[in-house]
Amino acid sequence: MNREYLSVILVDDDEGNRILFKNIFKELKIGVKVQSFGSGANLMEYLNSKEAQIPEILFMNYHISQKNSLECISEIKTDFRFDNMVTAIYSENLSENEVEEIFVNGVNIFIKKKDDYNAMKKVLSEVITINWQYYTSGLNRDNFIMKVL
């Protein structure tokens, strides 16, 4: 891989969460280029456009407006252009059944969102670092699944 950063899309209708994630990404040792969207509809409009640059990782709040996260994942999983994109869903509180449904629908990573900044930074750092290792090593990511609590 010749790039010096991971390309990330962040989807959350809460501006505070978007700012939190962006601030954490700025502090990481691995470069992260972030694009953010405030709704699932805006995300899918972008991804379906000719100008779309497919990210390495998509972080999406489970609870987003206009088009929910599972609807977005369903659309994403039917399009071969997104086959190499890692999908990560995060939420503060989900039942085990909801988490299982996320994985059944093809999501690679579930993150339990932390209230503490340093705890959330640690979790995001792990996710970014592991993905960076996969992208720079050429390892097979087809069955890559991760649950971070």
N, C-alpha and C. Protein backbone atom coordinates (compact mmCIF):
# COMPACT_ATOMS: atom_id res chain seq x y z
N MET A 1 0.85 -1.18 0.00
CA MET A 1 0.00 0.00 0.00
C MET A 1 0.89 1.23 0.00
N ASN A 2 0.64 2.14 -0.90
CA ASN A 2 1.47 3.33 -1.03
C ASN A 2 0.93 4.53 -0.26
N ARG A 3 -0.27 4.42 0.26
CA ARG A 3 -0.86 5.55 0.95
C ARG A 3 -0.38 5.65 2.39
N GLU A 4 -0.47 6.83 2.92
CA GLU A 4 -0.01 7.06 4.28
C GLU A 4 -1.16 7.26 5.26
N TYR A 5 -2.37 6.94 4.82
CA TYR A 5 -3.54 7.12 5.69
C TYR A 5 -4.62 6.11 5.31
N LEU A 6 -5.56 5.95 6.24
CA LEU A 6 -6.76 5.17 5.97
C LEU A 6 -7.88 6.15 5.65
N SER A 7 -8.65 5.82 4.65
CA SER A 7 -9.81 6.62 4.30
C SER A 7 -11.01 6.09 5.08
N VAL A 8 -11.71 7.00 5.76
CA VAL A 8 -12.82 6.62 6.65
C VAL A 8 -14.04 7.47 6.32
N ILE A 9 -15.20 6.83 6.35
CA ILE A 9 -16.46 7.57 6.33
C ILE A 9 -17.13 7.36 7.68
N LEU A 10 -17.66 8.44 8.23
CA LEU A 10 -18.34 8.45 9.52
C LEU A 10 -19.76 8.92 9.30
N VAL A 11 -20.73 8.14 9.78
CA VAL A 11 -22.14 8.50 9.63
C VAL A 11 -22.80 8.56 11.00
N ASP A 12 -23.27 9.74 11.36
CA ASP A 12 -23.95 9.92 12.65
C ASP A 12 -24.76 11.20 12.56
N ASP A 13 -26.02 11.16 13.00
CA ASP A 13 -26.82 12.38 12.95
C ASP A 13 -26.57 13.28 14.15
N ASP A 14 -25.74 12.85 15.08
CA ASP A 14 -25.36 13.65 16.23
C ASP A 14 -24.01 14.32 15.94
N GLU A 15 -24.03 15.64 15.77
CA GLU A 15 -22.80 16.36 15.45
C GLU A 15 -21.74 16.20 16.53
N GLY A 16 -22.16 16.08 17.77
CA GLY A 16 -21.22 15.88 18.87
C GLY A 16 -20.44 14.58 18.71
N ASN A 17 -21.11 13.53 18.28
CA ASN A 17 -20.42 12.25 18.04
C ASN A 17 -19.44 12.37 16.88
N ARG A 18 -19.85 13.08 15.82
CA ARG A 18 -18.94 13.25 14.68
C ARG A 18 -17.69 14.01 15.11
N ILE A 19 -17.85 15.04 15.91
CA ILE A 19 -16.71 15.82 16.39
C ILE A 19 -15.83 14.95 17.28
N LEU A 20 -16.44 14.17 18.16
CA LEU A 20 -15.69 13.27 19.04
C LEU A 20 -14.82 12.32 18.23
N PHE A 21 -15.40 11.63 17.25
CA PHE A 21 -14.65 10.69 16.43
C PHE A 21 -13.53 11.39 15.67
N LYS A 22 -13.83 12.53 15.08
CA LYS A 22 -12.81 13.26 14.31
C LYS A 22 -11.65 13.68 15.20
N ASN A 23 -11.95 14.16 16.41
CA ASN A 23 -10.88 14.55 17.34
C ASN A 23 -10.02 13.36 17.72
N ILE A 24 -10.64 12.22 17.94
CA ILE A 24 -9.88 11.01 18.27
C ILE A 24 -9.02 10.60 17.08
N PHE A 25 -9.59 10.59 15.89
CA PHE A 25 -8.82 10.21 14.70
C PHE A 25 -7.60 11.09 14.51
N LYS A 26 -7.73 12.39 14.81
CA LYS A 26 -6.60 13.32 14.66
C LYS A 26 -5.45 12.97 15.59
N GLU A 27 -5.76 12.38 16.73
CA GLU A 27 -4.74 12.07 17.73
C GLU A 27 -4.04 10.73 17.49
N LEU A 28 -4.53 9.91 16.58
CA LEU A 28 -3.95 8.59 16.37
C LEU A 28 -2.64 8.68 15.62
N LYS A 29 -1.78 7.67 15.81
CA LYS A 29 -0.48 7.63 15.14
C LYS A 29 -0.63 7.35 13.65
N ILE A 30 -1.70 6.66 13.28
CA ILE A 30 -1.97 6.35 11.87
C ILE A 30 -2.83 7.46 11.30
N GLY A 31 -2.48 7.95 10.13
CA GLY A 31 -3.25 9.00 9.51
C GLY A 31 -4.63 8.51 9.09
N VAL A 32 -5.64 9.32 9.37
CA VAL A 32 -7.02 8.98 9.01
C VAL A 32 -7.62 10.18 8.29
N LYS A 33 -8.10 9.94 7.08
CA LYS A 33 -8.80 10.96 6.32
C LYS A 33 -10.30 10.68 6.46
N VAL A 34 -11.04 11.62 7.05
CA VAL A 34 -12.44 11.39 7.41
C VAL A 34 -13.39 12.22 6.55
N GLN A 35 -14.43 11.56 6.07
CA GLN A 35 -15.58 12.22 5.46
C GLN A 35 -16.75 11.89 6.35
N SER A 36 -17.62 12.85 6.64
CA SER A 36 -18.75 12.53 7.52
C SER A 36 -20.07 12.94 6.89
N PHE A 37 -21.09 12.20 7.31
CA PHE A 37 -22.45 12.42 6.83
C PHE A 37 -23.39 12.38 8.03
N GLY A 38 -24.46 13.17 7.96
CA GLY A 38 -25.41 13.27 9.06
C GLY A 38 -26.59 12.34 8.97
N SER A 39 -26.69 11.56 7.89
CA SER A 39 -27.82 10.63 7.77
C SER A 39 -27.46 9.48 6.84
N GLY A 40 -28.21 8.41 6.97
CA GLY A 40 -28.02 7.27 6.08
C GLY A 40 -28.35 7.60 4.64
N ALA A 41 -29.36 8.45 4.45
CA ALA A 41 -29.74 8.85 3.08
C ALA A 41 -28.60 9.62 2.42
N ASN A 42 -27.96 10.53 3.15
CA ASN A 42 -26.83 11.30 2.60
C ASN A 42 -25.66 10.38 2.28
N LEU A 43 -25.41 9.41 3.16
CA LEU A 43 -24.34 8.44 2.91
C LEU A 43 -24.58 7.70 1.61
N MET A 44 -25.77 7.14 1.44
CA MET A 44 -26.05 6.32 0.27
C MET A 44 -26.08 7.16 -1.00
N GLU A 45 -26.55 8.40 -0.90
CA GLU A 45 -26.51 9.30 -2.05
C GLU A 45 -25.07 9.50 -2.51
N TYR A 46 -24.17 9.71 -1.54
CA TYR A 46 -22.75 9.88 -1.87
C TYR A 46 -22.16 8.59 -2.45
N LEU A 47 -22.36 7.47 -1.76
CA LEU A 47 -21.75 6.22 -2.21
C LEU A 47 -22.25 5.79 -3.59
N ASN A 48 -23.45 6.17 -3.94
CA ASN A 48 -24.01 5.81 -5.25
C ASN A 48 -23.68 6.83 -6.33
N SER A 49 -22.95 7.89 -5.97
CA SER A 49 -22.57 8.90 -6.95
C SER A 49 -21.29 8.49 -7.67
N LYS A 50 -21.06 9.08 -8.82
CA LYS A 50 -19.85 8.79 -9.59
C LYS A 50 -18.60 9.35 -8.91
N GLU A 51 -18.75 10.37 -8.09
CA GLU A 51 -17.62 11.01 -7.42
C GLU A 51 -17.18 10.26 -6.16
N ALA A 52 -17.92 9.25 -5.76
CA ALA A 52 -17.65 8.57 -4.49
C ALA A 52 -16.27 7.93 -4.49
N GLN A 53 -15.56 8.17 -3.40
CA GLN A 53 -14.30 7.48 -3.15
C GLN A 53 -14.60 6.47 -2.04
N ILE A 54 -14.45 5.20 -2.35
CA ILE A 54 -14.79 4.14 -1.41
C ILE A 54 -13.75 4.12 -0.29
N PRO A 55 -14.19 4.23 0.97
CA PRO A 55 -13.25 4.23 2.08
C PRO A 55 -12.81 2.82 2.45
N GLU A 56 -11.75 2.75 3.23
CA GLU A 56 -11.35 1.46 3.78
C GLU A 56 -12.30 1.04 4.90
N ILE A 57 -12.75 2.03 5.69
CA ILE A 57 -13.63 1.74 6.83
C ILE A 57 -14.82 2.70 6.84
N LEU A 58 -15.99 2.14 7.11
CA LEU A 58 -17.21 2.91 7.31
C LEU A 58 -17.63 2.75 8.76
N PHE A 59 -17.64 3.84 9.52
CA PHE A 59 -18.15 3.85 10.89
C PHE A 59 -19.55 4.45 10.85
N MET A 60 -20.52 3.74 11.42
CA MET A 60 -21.89 4.22 11.36
C MET A 60 -22.59 3.98 12.70
N ASN A 61 -23.26 5.02 13.19
CA ASN A 61 -24.08 4.87 14.38
C ASN A 61 -25.25 3.96 14.03
N TYR A 62 -25.58 3.04 14.92
CA TYR A 62 -26.70 2.14 14.69
C TYR A 62 -27.99 2.92 14.50
N HIS A 63 -28.14 3.99 15.28
CA HIS A 63 -29.36 4.80 15.23
C HIS A 63 -29.11 6.06 14.41
N ILE A 64 -29.37 5.99 13.11
CA ILE A 64 -29.24 7.17 12.26
C ILE A 64 -30.57 7.45 11.57
N SER A 65 -30.70 8.68 11.11
CA SER A 65 -31.98 9.12 10.56
C SER A 65 -32.06 8.93 9.05
N GLN A 66 -33.27 9.08 8.55
CA GLN A 66 -33.64 9.07 7.13
C GLN A 66 -33.51 7.69 6.49
N LYS A 67 -32.44 7.01 6.72
CA LYS A 67 -32.27 5.63 6.27
C LYS A 67 -31.45 4.96 7.36
N ASN A 68 -32.02 3.92 8.00
CA ASN A 68 -31.32 3.36 9.15
C ASN A 68 -30.09 2.56 8.75
N SER A 69 -29.28 2.24 9.74
CA SER A 69 -27.98 1.60 9.48
C SER A 69 -28.12 0.26 8.77
N LEU A 70 -29.10 -0.54 9.14
CA LEU A 70 -29.26 -1.85 8.51
C LEU A 70 -29.73 -1.72 7.06
N GLU A 71 -30.53 -0.70 6.76
CA GLU A 71 -30.93 -0.46 5.36
C GLU A 71 -29.69 -0.08 4.54
N CYS A 72 -28.85 0.75 5.11
CA CYS A 72 -27.61 1.14 4.41
C CYS A 72 -26.71 -0.07 4.19
N ILE A 73 -26.54 -0.88 5.23
CA ILE A 73 -25.69 -2.07 5.11
C ILE A 73 -26.25 -3.01 4.05
N SER A 74 -27.55 -3.17 4.01
CA SER A 74 -28.17 -4.04 3.02
C SER A 74 -27.84 -3.57 1.60
N GLU A 75 -27.93 -2.28 1.37
CA GLU A 75 -27.58 -1.72 0.05
C GLU A 75 -26.09 -1.90 -0.25
N ILE A 76 -25.27 -1.64 0.74
CA ILE A 76 -23.82 -1.73 0.57
C ILE A 76 -23.40 -3.16 0.22
N LYS A 77 -23.98 -4.13 0.91
CA LYS A 77 -23.58 -5.53 0.72
C LYS A 77 -24.01 -6.09 -0.63
N THR A 78 -24.92 -5.41 -1.33
CA THR A 78 -25.35 -5.90 -2.65
C THR A 78 -24.52 -5.30 -3.78
N ASP A 79 -23.58 -4.42 -3.46
CA ASP A 79 -22.79 -3.74 -4.49
C ASP A 79 -21.32 -4.16 -4.37
N PHE A 80 -20.81 -4.81 -5.40
CA PHE A 80 -19.44 -5.33 -5.38
C PHE A 80 -18.38 -4.24 -5.18
N ARG A 81 -18.69 -2.98 -5.49
CA ARG A 81 -17.71 -1.90 -5.31
C ARG A 81 -17.28 -1.76 -3.85
N PHE A 82 -18.13 -2.23 -2.93
CA PHE A 82 -17.86 -2.06 -1.51
C PHE A 82 -17.32 -3.33 -0.86
N ASP A 83 -16.96 -4.33 -1.66
CA ASP A 83 -16.51 -5.61 -1.12
C ASP A 83 -15.30 -5.48 -0.19
N ASN A 84 -14.42 -4.54 -0.44
CA ASN A 84 -13.22 -4.39 0.39
C ASN A 84 -13.37 -3.38 1.51
N MET A 85 -14.54 -2.78 1.63
CA MET A 85 -14.79 -1.80 2.67
C MET A 85 -15.21 -2.50 3.97
N VAL A 86 -14.52 -2.19 5.05
CA VAL A 86 -14.87 -2.72 6.37
C VAL A 86 -15.99 -1.87 6.94
N THR A 87 -17.02 -2.52 7.47
CA THR A 87 -18.15 -1.79 8.05
C THR A 87 -18.14 -1.97 9.56
N ALA A 88 -18.28 -0.85 10.26
CA ALA A 88 -18.30 -0.85 11.72
C ALA A 88 -19.54 -0.10 12.19
N ILE A 89 -20.32 -0.74 13.02
CA ILE A 89 -21.51 -0.13 13.62
C ILE A 89 -21.20 0.11 15.10
N TYR A 90 -21.61 1.27 15.60
CA TYR A 90 -21.42 1.54 17.02
C TYR A 90 -22.72 2.03 17.63
N SER A 91 -22.86 1.76 18.92
CA SER A 91 -24.03 2.19 19.66
C SER A 91 -23.73 2.10 21.14
N GLU A 92 -24.47 2.87 21.93
CA GLU A 92 -24.28 2.83 23.37
C GLU A 92 -24.93 1.60 23.98
N ASN A 93 -26.14 1.29 23.55
CA ASN A 93 -26.87 0.17 24.14
C ASN A 93 -27.60 -0.61 23.07
N LEU A 94 -27.17 -1.84 22.85
CA LEU A 94 -27.88 -2.76 21.96
C LEU A 94 -27.99 -4.09 22.67
N SER A 95 -29.07 -4.79 22.40
CA SER A 95 -29.24 -6.13 22.96
C SER A 95 -28.33 -7.10 22.20
N GLU A 96 -28.09 -8.26 22.78
CA GLU A 96 -27.30 -9.28 22.09
C GLU A 96 -27.96 -9.68 20.78
N ASN A 97 -29.30 -9.71 20.75
CA ASN A 97 -30.00 -10.05 19.50
C ASN A 97 -29.75 -9.00 18.42
N GLU A 98 -29.73 -7.72 18.80
CA GLU A 98 -29.45 -6.66 17.83
C GLU A 98 -28.02 -6.76 17.32
N VAL A 99 -27.08 -7.07 18.21
CA VAL A 99 -25.68 -7.22 17.81
C VAL A 99 -25.55 -8.40 16.86
N GLU A 100 -26.21 -9.49 17.17
CA GLU A 100 -26.18 -10.67 16.29
C GLU A 100 -26.77 -10.33 14.92
N GLU A 101 -27.87 -9.56 14.91
CA GLU A 101 -28.49 -9.15 13.65
C GLU A 101 -27.54 -8.31 12.80
N ILE A 102 -26.76 -7.47 13.46
CA ILE A 102 -25.77 -6.65 12.76
C ILE A 102 -24.78 -7.55 12.02
N PHE A 103 -24.24 -8.54 12.73
CA PHE A 103 -23.26 -9.44 12.11
C PHE A 103 -23.88 -10.30 11.02
N VAL A 104 -25.10 -10.78 11.25
CA VAL A 104 -25.80 -11.59 10.23
C VAL A 104 -25.99 -10.78 8.95
N ASN A 105 -26.18 -9.48 9.09
CA ASN A 105 -26.38 -8.62 7.92
C ASN A 105 -25.07 -8.21 7.25
N GLY A 106 -23.94 -8.71 7.76
CA GLY A 106 -22.67 -8.50 7.08
C GLY A 106 -21.74 -7.45 7.65
N VAL A 107 -22.08 -6.87 8.79
CA VAL A 107 -21.20 -5.88 9.41
C VAL A 107 -19.97 -6.60 9.95
N ASN A 108 -18.80 -5.98 9.81
CA ASN A 108 -17.55 -6.59 10.26
C ASN A 108 -17.22 -6.32 11.71
N ILE A 109 -17.60 -5.13 12.21
CA ILE A 109 -17.19 -4.71 13.55
C ILE A 109 -18.37 -4.11 14.29
N PHE A 110 -18.54 -4.50 15.55
CA PHE A 110 -19.48 -3.81 16.43
C PHE A 110 -18.68 -3.17 17.55
N ILE A 111 -18.96 -1.90 17.82
CA ILE A 111 -18.29 -1.15 18.88
C ILE A 111 -19.34 -0.65 19.86
N LYS A 112 -19.14 -0.98 21.12
CA LYS A 112 -19.99 -0.40 22.15
C LYS A 112 -19.41 0.97 22.47
N LYS A 113 -20.17 2.02 22.16
CA LYS A 113 -19.68 3.38 22.34
C LYS A 113 -19.49 3.68 23.83
N LYS A 114 -18.32 4.20 24.13
CA LYS A 114 -17.95 4.52 25.51
C LYS A 114 -18.26 5.99 25.82
N ASP A 115 -18.59 6.25 27.08
CA ASP A 115 -18.81 7.63 27.52
C ASP A 115 -17.51 8.35 27.80
N ASP A 116 -16.49 7.61 28.17
CA ASP A 116 -15.19 8.17 28.53
C ASP A 116 -14.34 8.37 27.27
N TYR A 117 -13.79 9.56 27.09
CA TYR A 117 -13.00 9.90 25.90
C TYR A 117 -11.82 8.95 25.71
N ASN A 118 -11.06 8.71 26.77
CA ASN A 118 -9.87 7.86 26.65
C ASN A 118 -10.24 6.42 26.33
N ALA A 119 -11.34 5.93 26.88
CA ALA A 119 -11.78 4.57 26.58
C ALA A 119 -12.21 4.47 25.11
N MET A 120 -12.90 5.48 24.62
CA MET A 120 -13.33 5.48 23.22
C MET A 120 -12.12 5.61 22.30
N LYS A 121 -11.15 6.42 22.70
CA LYS A 121 -9.92 6.56 21.91
C LYS A 121 -9.19 5.23 21.81
N LYS A 122 -9.13 4.48 22.90
CA LYS A 122 -8.47 3.18 22.90
C LYS A 122 -9.17 2.23 21.93
N VAL A 123 -10.48 2.19 21.96
CA VAL A 123 -11.26 1.31 21.09
C VAL A 123 -11.03 1.68 19.62
N LEU A 124 -11.17 2.95 19.29
CA LEU A 124 -10.99 3.38 17.90
C LEU A 124 -9.56 3.16 17.44
N SER A 125 -8.61 3.36 18.33
CA SER A 125 -7.21 3.12 17.98
C SER A 125 -7.00 1.65 17.62
N GLU A 126 -7.61 0.74 18.38
CA GLU A 126 -7.51 -0.69 18.07
C GLU A 126 -8.08 -1.00 16.69
N VAL A 127 -9.26 -0.48 16.42
CA VAL A 127 -9.93 -0.75 15.14
C VAL A 127 -9.09 -0.21 13.99
N ILE A 128 -8.62 1.02 14.10
CA ILE A 128 -7.82 1.63 13.04
C ILE A 128 -6.50 0.87 12.86
N THR A 129 -5.84 0.54 13.96
CA THR A 129 -4.55 -0.16 13.88
C THR A 129 -4.70 -1.52 13.22
N ILE A 130 -5.69 -2.29 13.62
CA ILE A 130 -5.90 -3.61 13.03
C ILE A 130 -6.21 -3.49 11.55
N ASN A 131 -7.04 -2.55 11.18
CA ASN A 131 -7.36 -2.36 9.76
C ASN A 131 -6.15 -1.89 8.98
N TRP A 132 -5.35 -1.02 9.56
CA TRP A 132 -4.12 -0.57 8.91
C TRP A 132 -3.20 -1.76 8.64
N GLN A 133 -3.09 -2.65 9.63
CA GLN A 133 -2.26 -3.84 9.46
C GLN A 133 -2.77 -4.71 8.32
N TYR A 134 -4.08 -4.87 8.23
CA TYR A 134 -4.65 -5.66 7.13
C TYR A 134 -4.38 -5.00 5.79
N TYR A 135 -4.53 -3.70 5.71
CA TYR A 135 -4.33 -3.00 4.43
C TYR A 135 -2.88 -2.97 4.01
N THR A 136 -1.98 -2.91 4.96
CA THR A 136 -0.57 -2.81 4.59
C THR A 136 0.10 -4.18 4.46
N SER A 137 -0.53 -5.24 4.98
CA SER A 137 0.10 -6.56 4.93
C SER A 137 -0.43 -7.44 3.80
N GLY A 138 -1.59 -7.09 3.27
CA GLY A 138 -2.18 -7.91 2.22
C GLY A 138 -2.86 -9.17 2.75
N LEU A 139 -3.14 -9.23 4.04
CA LEU A 139 -3.82 -10.39 4.61
C LEU A 139 -5.25 -10.48 4.10
N ASN A 140 -5.82 -11.65 4.16
CA ASN A 140 -7.21 -11.87 3.72
C ASN A 140 -8.17 -11.31 4.76
N ARG A 141 -9.04 -10.41 4.33
CA ARG A 141 -10.00 -9.78 5.24
C ARG A 141 -11.42 -10.28 5.02
N ASP A 142 -11.61 -11.28 4.17
CA ASP A 142 -12.95 -11.72 3.82
C ASP A 142 -13.79 -12.13 5.04
N ASN A 143 -13.15 -12.70 6.03
CA ASN A 143 -13.90 -13.18 7.20
C ASN A 143 -13.56 -12.40 8.46
N PHE A 144 -13.13 -11.17 8.30
CA PHE A 144 -12.72 -10.34 9.41
C PHE A 144 -13.94 -9.82 10.16
N ILE A 145 -14.11 -10.25 11.40
CA ILE A 145 -15.21 -9.80 12.24
C ILE A 145 -14.62 -9.43 13.59
N MET A 146 -15.13 -8.37 14.18
CA MET A 146 -14.58 -7.89 15.44
C MET A 146 -15.69 -7.30 16.29
N LYS A 147 -15.68 -7.59 17.56
CA LYS A 147 -16.63 -7.00 18.51
C LYS A 147 -15.80 -6.34 19.58
N VAL A 148 -15.94 -5.03 19.75
CA VAL A 148 -15.15 -4.28 20.71
C VAL A 148 -16.10 -3.71 21.76
N LEU A 149 -15.90 -4.12 23.00
CA LEU A 149 -16.80 -3.66 24.08
C LEU A 149 -16.08 -2.76 25.04
